[in-house]
């Protein structure tokens, strides 16, 4: 990671630990670890299926992959607190207070899983998937089919198959809308931000 960005990221993380409650910091650490693990697993699968050695095509790109993921988190957290948008959970339940007479609250609405306790825009998962899969696309080409095992998908979907890195990034973003964690504009914005960082 470039020293300037590393110092900036370290400052953001340090301040976050001072401002955010400890459970929030622990959740964020798990999200970062999960996203990195998924991206690195995809890289390993792509390397296996393309029949090239990591040394031949991925040594520099592995460094770029990790740099882009960390730079993506930095850019993403800047956007979250710059725009400070409501997530669907808040927007749906607090619709009476959104200044729009055409919306009505639904105090019983729940997402499929508990909503993370930080702002909506842009989706962090989409941002990091956008950047990491963009690096993988540049390294191996986009038309690499691969299958990954996952422990976070529903039990009936233990493996996920993709026809390309772009398709994997799109599904990554879509999963956040389907969970009820993000609006589509936040996942689209995250993908675009991640690709720009890469």
C-alpha atoms as a PDB file:
ATOM      1  CA  UNK A   1       0.000   0.000   0.000  1.00  0.00           C
ATOM      2  CA  UNK A   2       1.226   3.456  -0.762  1.00  0.00           C
ATOM      3  CA  UNK A   3       2.579   5.088   2.436  1.00  0.00           C
ATOM      4  CA  UNK A   4       0.304   8.149   2.193  1.00  0.00           C
ATOM      5  CA  UNK A   5      -2.830   5.992   1.859  1.00  0.00           C
ATOM      6  CA  UNK A   6      -1.664   3.635   4.577  1.00  0.00           C
ATOM      7  CA  UNK A   7      -1.214   6.524   7.012  1.00  0.00           C
ATOM      8  CA  UNK A   8      -4.623   7.888   6.054  1.00  0.00           C
ATOM      9  CA  UNK A   9      -6.312   4.476   6.420  1.00  0.00           C
ATOM     10  CA  UNK A  10      -4.624   3.932   9.770  1.00  0.00           C
ATOM     11  CA  UNK A  11      -5.905   7.336  10.931  1.00  0.00           C
ATOM     12  CA  UNK A  12      -9.460   6.518   9.824  1.00  0.00           C
ATOM     13  CA  UNK A  13      -9.364   3.137  11.539  1.00  0.00           C
ATOM     14  CA  UNK A  14      -7.900   4.604  14.719  1.00  0.00           C
ATOM     15  CA  UNK A  15     -10.563   7.310  14.871  1.00  0.00           C
ATOM     16  CA  UNK A  16     -13.266   4.748  14.083  1.00  0.00           C
ATOM     17  CA  UNK A  17     -12.225   2.619  17.025  1.00  0.00           C
ATOM     18  CA  UNK A  18     -12.481   5.645  19.261  1.00  0.00           C
ATOM     19  CA  UNK A  19     -15.854   6.771  17.902  1.00  0.00           C
ATOM     20  CA  UNK A  20     -17.647   3.514  17.150  1.00  0.00           C
ATOM     21  CA  UNK A  21     -18.809   1.115  19.861  1.00  0.00           C
ATOM     22  CA  UNK A  22     -16.670  -1.996  20.197  1.00  0.00           C
ATOM     23  CA  UNK A  23     -19.322  -4.359  18.723  1.00  0.00           C
ATOM     24  CA  UNK A  24     -19.438  -2.202  15.579  1.00  0.00           C
ATOM     25  CA  UNK A  25     -15.657  -2.306  15.200  1.00  0.00           C
ATOM     26  CA  UNK A  26     -15.733  -6.104  15.582  1.00  0.00           C
ATOM     27  CA  UNK A  27     -18.421  -6.408  12.886  1.00  0.00           C
ATOM     28  CA  UNK A  28     -16.403  -4.191  10.549  1.00  0.00           C
ATOM     29  CA  UNK A  29     -13.279  -6.282  11.074  1.00  0.00           C
ATOM     30  CA  UNK A  30     -15.259  -9.437  10.210  1.00  0.00           C
ATOM     31  CA  UNK A  31     -16.679  -7.812   7.068  1.00  0.00           C
ATOM     32  CA  UNK A  32     -13.211  -6.752   5.930  1.00  0.00           C
ATOM     33  CA  UNK A  33     -11.797 -10.242   6.590  1.00  0.00           C
ATOM     34  CA  UNK A  34     -14.693 -11.926   4.776  1.00  0.00           C
ATOM     35  CA  UNK A  35     -14.424  -9.711   1.695  1.00  0.00           C
ATOM     36  CA  UNK A  36     -10.668 -10.229   1.472  1.00  0.00           C
ATOM     37  CA  UNK A  37     -11.074 -13.991   1.891  1.00  0.00           C
ATOM     38  CA  UNK A  38     -13.668 -14.161  -0.915  1.00  0.00           C
ATOM     39  CA  UNK A  39     -11.519 -12.118  -3.289  1.00  0.00           C
ATOM     40  CA  UNK A  40      -8.378 -14.117  -2.578  1.00  0.00           C
ATOM     41  CA  UNK A  41     -10.291 -17.394  -2.992  1.00  0.00           C
ATOM     42  CA  UNK A  42     -11.595 -16.196  -6.360  1.00  0.00           C
ATOM     43  CA  UNK A  43      -8.039 -15.318  -7.359  1.00  0.00           C
ATOM     44  CA  UNK A  44      -6.823 -18.789  -6.395  1.00  0.00           C
ATOM     45  CA  UNK A  45      -9.664 -20.476  -8.303  1.00  0.00           C
ATOM     46  CA  UNK A  46      -8.980 -18.327 -11.379  1.00  0.00           C
ATOM     47  CA  UNK A  47      -5.290 -19.130 -11.201  1.00  0.00           C
ATOM     48  CA  UNK A  48      -6.048 -22.866 -10.980  1.00  0.00           C
ATOM     49  CA  UNK A  49      -8.531 -22.824 -13.835  1.00  0.00           C
ATOM     50  CA  UNK A  50      -6.334 -20.729 -16.123  1.00  0.00           C
ATOM     51  CA  UNK A  51      -3.428 -23.166 -15.681  1.00  0.00           C
ATOM     52  CA  UNK A  52      -0.856 -20.474 -14.952  1.00  0.00           C
ATOM     53  CA  UNK A  53       1.384 -20.141 -11.951  1.00  0.00           C
ATOM     54  CA  UNK A  54       0.957 -17.354  -9.453  1.00  0.00           C
ATOM     55  CA  UNK A  55       4.544 -16.376 -10.093  1.00  0.00           C
ATOM     56  CA  UNK A  56       3.928 -15.950 -13.816  1.00  0.00           C
ATOM     57  CA  UNK A  57       0.857 -13.751 -13.777  1.00  0.00           C
ATOM     58  CA  UNK A  58      -0.157 -12.884 -10.266  1.00  0.00           C
ATOM     59  CA  UNK A  59       2.764 -11.714  -8.164  1.00  0.00           C
ATOM     60  CA  UNK A  60       2.338  -8.016  -8.957  1.00  0.00           C
ATOM     61  CA  UNK A  61      -1.411  -8.378  -9.378  1.00  0.00           C
ATOM     62  CA  UNK A  62      -1.694  -9.980  -5.926  1.00  0.00           C
ATOM     63  CA  UNK A  63      -0.148  -6.870  -4.465  1.00  0.00           C
ATOM     64  CA  UNK A  64      -2.461  -4.699  -6.570  1.00  0.00           C
ATOM     65  CA  UNK A  65      -5.450  -6.789  -5.463  1.00  0.00           C
ATOM     66  CA  UNK A  66      -4.715  -6.227  -1.788  1.00  0.00           C
ATOM     67  CA  UNK A  67      -3.901  -2.539  -2.304  1.00  0.00           C
ATOM     68  CA  UNK A  68      -7.114  -1.965  -4.226  1.00  0.00           C
ATOM     69  CA  UNK A  69      -9.195  -3.678  -1.535  1.00  0.00           C
ATOM     70  CA  UNK A  70      -7.741  -1.533   1.234  1.00  0.00           C
ATOM     71  CA  UNK A  71      -7.922   1.652  -0.877  1.00  0.00           C
ATOM     72  CA  UNK A  72     -11.540   0.731  -1.661  1.00  0.00           C
ATOM     73  CA  UNK A  73     -12.424   0.499   2.014  1.00  0.00           C
ATOM     74  CA  UNK A  74     -10.836   3.896   2.572  1.00  0.00           C
ATOM     75  CA  UNK A  75     -12.769   5.496  -0.298  1.00  0.00           C
ATOM     76  CA  UNK A  76     -15.940   3.740   0.786  1.00  0.00           C
ATOM     77  CA  UNK A  77     -15.824   4.931   4.377  1.00  0.00           C
ATOM     78  CA  UNK A  78     -15.167   8.456   3.143  1.00  0.00           C
ATOM     79  CA  UNK A  79     -18.365   8.218   1.064  1.00  0.00           C
ATOM     80  CA  UNK A  80     -20.466   6.689   3.840  1.00  0.00           C
ATOM     81  CA  UNK A  81     -19.842   9.572   6.196  1.00  0.00           C
ATOM     82  CA  UNK A  82     -19.809  12.220   3.460  1.00  0.00           C
ATOM     83  CA  UNK A  83     -23.325  11.309   2.264  1.00  0.00           C
ATOM     84  CA  UNK A  84     -24.704   9.721   5.483  1.00  0.00           C
ATOM     85  CA  UNK A  85     -27.730   8.098   3.781  1.00  0.00           C
ATOM     86  CA  UNK A  86     -30.377   5.965   5.479  1.00  0.00           C
ATOM     87  CA  UNK A  87     -30.343   2.248   4.862  1.00  0.00           C
ATOM     88  CA  UNK A  88     -33.593   0.498   3.841  1.00  0.00           C
ATOM     89  CA  UNK A  89     -34.232  -0.534   7.462  1.00  0.00           C
ATOM     90  CA  UNK A  90     -34.354   3.083   8.612  1.00  0.00           C
ATOM     91  CA  UNK A  91     -35.952   4.498   5.461  1.00  0.00           C
ATOM     92  CA  UNK A  92     -38.853   2.033   5.498  1.00  0.00           C
ATOM     93  CA  UNK A  93     -39.500   2.278   9.228  1.00  0.00           C
ATOM     94  CA  UNK A  94     -39.064   6.073   9.370  1.00  0.00           C
ATOM     95  CA  UNK A  95     -40.847   6.954   6.123  1.00  0.00           C
ATOM     96  CA  UNK A  96     -43.184   9.306   8.004  1.00  0.00           C
ATOM     97  CA  UNK A  97     -40.137  11.488   8.758  1.00  0.00           C
ATOM     98  CA  UNK A  98     -38.505  11.534   5.312  1.00  0.00           C
ATOM     99  CA  UNK A  99     -40.234  14.678   4.043  1.00  0.00           C
ATOM    100  CA  UNK A 100     -41.990  12.780   1.238  1.00  0.00           C
ATOM    101  CA  UNK A 101     -45.797  12.673   1.601  1.00  0.00           C
ATOM    102  CA  UNK A 102     -45.967   9.796  -0.906  1.00  0.00           C
ATOM    103  CA  UNK A 103     -44.221   7.355   1.457  1.00  0.00           C
ATOM    104  CA  UNK A 104     -45.686   5.595   4.482  1.00  0.00           C
ATOM    105  CA  UNK A 105     -43.787   3.811   7.240  1.00  0.00           C
ATOM    106  CA  UNK A 106     -43.855   0.057   7.804  1.00  0.00           C
ATOM    107  CA  UNK A 107     -42.730  -0.481  11.394  1.00  0.00           C
ATOM    108  CA  UNK A 108     -42.828  -4.277  10.951  1.00  0.00           C
ATOM    109  CA  UNK A 109     -40.426  -4.473   7.989  1.00  0.00           C
ATOM    110  CA  UNK A 110     -37.249  -6.507   8.609  1.00  0.00           C
ATOM    111  CA  UNK A 111     -34.277  -7.317   6.348  1.00  0.00           C
ATOM    112  CA  UNK A 112     -33.264 -10.956   5.889  1.00  0.00           C
ATOM    113  CA  UNK A 113     -30.309 -10.434   8.247  1.00  0.00           C
ATOM    114  CA  UNK A 114     -29.472  -7.780  10.798  1.00  0.00           C
ATOM    115  CA  UNK A 115     -28.507  -4.507   9.135  1.00  0.00           C
ATOM    116  CA  UNK A 116     -24.927  -3.301   9.779  1.00  0.00           C
ATOM    117  CA  UNK A 117     -24.837  -0.153  11.946  1.00  0.00           C
ATOM    118  CA  UNK A 118     -23.282   2.337   9.533  1.00  0.00           C
ATOM    119  CA  UNK A 119     -24.564   4.542   6.677  1.00  0.00           C
ATOM    120  CA  UNK A 120     -25.938   3.305   3.358  1.00  0.00           C
ATOM    121  CA  UNK A 121     -23.961   4.902   0.546  1.00  0.00           C
ATOM    122  CA  UNK A 122     -21.938   3.410  -0.930  1.00  0.00           C
ATOM    123  CA  UNK A 123     -22.124  -0.327  -0.292  1.00  0.00           C
ATOM    124  CA  UNK A 124     -18.763  -1.451   1.125  1.00  0.00           C
ATOM    125  CA  UNK A 125     -19.190  -5.025  -0.059  1.00  0.00           C
ATOM    126  CA  UNK A 126     -19.968  -3.806  -3.591  1.00  0.00           C
ATOM    127  CA  UNK A 127     -17.054  -1.371  -3.533  1.00  0.00           C
ATOM    128  CA  UNK A 128     -14.478  -3.982  -2.549  1.00  0.00           C
ATOM    129  CA  UNK A 129     -15.924  -6.626  -4.861  1.00  0.00           C
ATOM    130  CA  UNK A 130     -15.889  -4.048  -7.669  1.00  0.00           C
ATOM    131  CA  UNK A 131     -12.211  -3.284  -7.123  1.00  0.00           C
ATOM    132  CA  UNK A 132     -10.998  -6.817  -6.481  1.00  0.00           C
ATOM    133  CA  UNK A 133     -12.864  -8.399  -9.393  1.00  0.00           C
ATOM    134  CA  UNK A 134     -11.683  -5.565 -11.660  1.00  0.00           C
ATOM    135  CA  UNK A 135      -8.063  -6.437 -10.773  1.00  0.00           C
ATOM    136  CA  UNK A 136      -8.765 -10.141 -11.396  1.00  0.00           C
ATOM    137  CA  UNK A 137     -10.421  -9.269 -14.734  1.00  0.00           C
ATOM    138  CA  UNK A 138      -7.362  -7.274 -15.800  1.00  0.00           C
ATOM    139  CA  UNK A 139      -5.090 -10.142 -14.765  1.00  0.00           C
ATOM    140  CA  UNK A 140      -6.915 -13.163 -16.205  1.00  0.00           C
ATOM    141  CA  UNK A 141      -9.448 -11.636 -18.606  1.00  0.00           C
ATOM    142  CA  UNK A 142     -13.143 -11.415 -17.826  1.00  0.00           C
ATOM    143  CA  UNK A 143     -14.293 -14.670 -19.405  1.00  0.00           C
ATOM    144  CA  UNK A 144     -12.952 -16.947 -16.649  1.00  0.00           C
ATOM    145  CA  UNK A 145     -15.605 -19.313 -15.332  1.00  0.00           C
ATOM    146  CA  UNK A 146     -15.170 -20.449 -11.768  1.00  0.00           C
ATOM    147  CA  UNK A 147     -17.024 -22.067  -8.865  1.00  0.00           C
ATOM    148  CA  UNK A 148     -16.512 -21.182  -5.224  1.00  0.00           C
ATOM    149  CA  UNK A 149     -17.694 -22.718  -1.980  1.00  0.00           C
ATOM    150  CA  UNK A 150     -19.302 -20.351   0.492  1.00  0.00           C
ATOM    151  CA  UNK A 151     -20.321 -20.537   4.120  1.00  0.00           C
ATOM    152  CA  UNK A 152     -22.401 -17.352   4.026  1.00  0.00           C
ATOM    153  CA  UNK A 153     -24.978 -18.256   1.352  1.00  0.00           C
ATOM    154  CA  UNK A 154     -28.208 -20.086   2.203  1.00  0.00           C
ATOM    155  CA  UNK A 155     -27.676 -23.831   2.899  1.00  0.00           C
ATOM    156  CA  UNK A 156     -29.215 -24.830  -0.448  1.00  0.00           C
ATOM    157  CA  UNK A 157     -26.500 -22.791  -2.227  1.00  0.00           C
ATOM    158  CA  UNK A 158     -23.161 -24.051  -0.808  1.00  0.00           C
ATOM    159  CA  UNK A 159     -21.360 -23.306  -4.075  1.00  0.00           C
ATOM    160  CA  UNK A 160     -21.670 -20.393  -6.447  1.00  0.00           C
ATOM    161  CA  UNK A 161     -20.668 -20.591 -10.108  1.00  0.00           C
ATOM    162  CA  UNK A 162     -19.818 -17.573 -12.230  1.00  0.00           C
ATOM    163  CA  UNK A 163     -19.182 -17.153 -15.958  1.00  0.00           C
ATOM    164  CA  UNK A 164     -16.950 -14.116 -15.416  1.00  0.00           C
ATOM    165  CA  UNK A 165     -15.456 -11.798 -12.817  1.00  0.00           C
ATOM    166  CA  UNK A 166     -17.966  -9.127 -13.840  1.00  0.00           C
ATOM    167  CA  UNK A 167     -20.819 -11.544 -13.106  1.00  0.00           C
ATOM    168  CA  UNK A 168     -19.335 -12.335  -9.682  1.00  0.00           C
ATOM    169  CA  UNK A 169     -19.041  -8.621  -8.854  1.00  0.00           C
ATOM    170  CA  UNK A 170     -22.646  -8.025  -9.966  1.00  0.00           C
ATOM    171  CA  UNK A 171     -23.945 -10.891  -7.798  1.00  0.00           C
ATOM    172  CA  UNK A 172     -21.866  -9.663  -4.883  1.00  0.00           C
ATOM    173  CA  UNK A 173     -23.567  -6.265  -5.160  1.00  0.00           C
ATOM    174  CA  UNK A 174     -27.015  -7.743  -5.778  1.00  0.00           C
ATOM    175  CA  UNK A 175     -26.768  -9.851  -2.621  1.00  0.00           C
ATOM    176  CA  UNK A 176     -26.792  -6.675  -0.527  1.00  0.00           C
ATOM    177  CA  UNK A 177     -30.053  -5.469  -2.108  1.00  0.00           C
ATOM    178  CA  UNK A 178     -31.660  -8.895  -1.702  1.00  0.00           C
ATOM    179  CA  UNK A 179     -30.689  -8.996   1.968  1.00  0.00           C
ATOM    180  CA  UNK A 180     -32.424  -5.669   2.465  1.00  0.00           C
ATOM    181  CA  UNK A 181     -29.219  -3.915   3.508  1.00  0.00           C
ATOM    182  CA  UNK A 182     -28.876  -1.501   0.588  1.00  0.00           C
ATOM    183  CA  UNK A 183     -30.804   0.314  -2.088  1.00  0.00           C
ATOM    184  CA  UNK A 184     -29.722  -0.393  -5.670  1.00  0.00           C
ATOM    185  CA  UNK A 185     -28.130   3.058  -6.097  1.00  0.00           C
ATOM    186  CA  UNK A 186     -25.722   2.244  -3.237  1.00  0.00           C
ATOM    187  CA  UNK A 187     -24.602  -1.058  -4.752  1.00  0.00           C
ATOM    188  CA  UNK A 188     -24.259   0.454  -8.238  1.00  0.00           C
ATOM    189  CA  UNK A 189     -22.296   3.331  -6.718  1.00  0.00           C
ATOM    190  CA  UNK A 190     -20.125   0.863  -4.811  1.00  0.00           C
ATOM    191  CA  UNK A 191     -19.284  -1.140  -7.934  1.00  0.00           C
ATOM    192  CA  UNK A 192     -18.397   2.046  -9.818  1.00  0.00           C
ATOM    193  CA  UNK A 193     -16.284   3.347  -6.927  1.00  0.00           C
ATOM    194  CA  UNK A 194     -14.445   0.036  -6.598  1.00  0.00           C
ATOM    195  CA  UNK A 195     -13.689  -0.159 -10.317  1.00  0.00           C
ATOM    196  CA  UNK A 196     -12.422   3.427 -10.258  1.00  0.00           C
ATOM    197  CA  UNK A 197     -10.117   2.641  -7.314  1.00  0.00           C
ATOM    198  CA  UNK A 198      -8.722  -0.446  -9.093  1.00  0.00           C
END
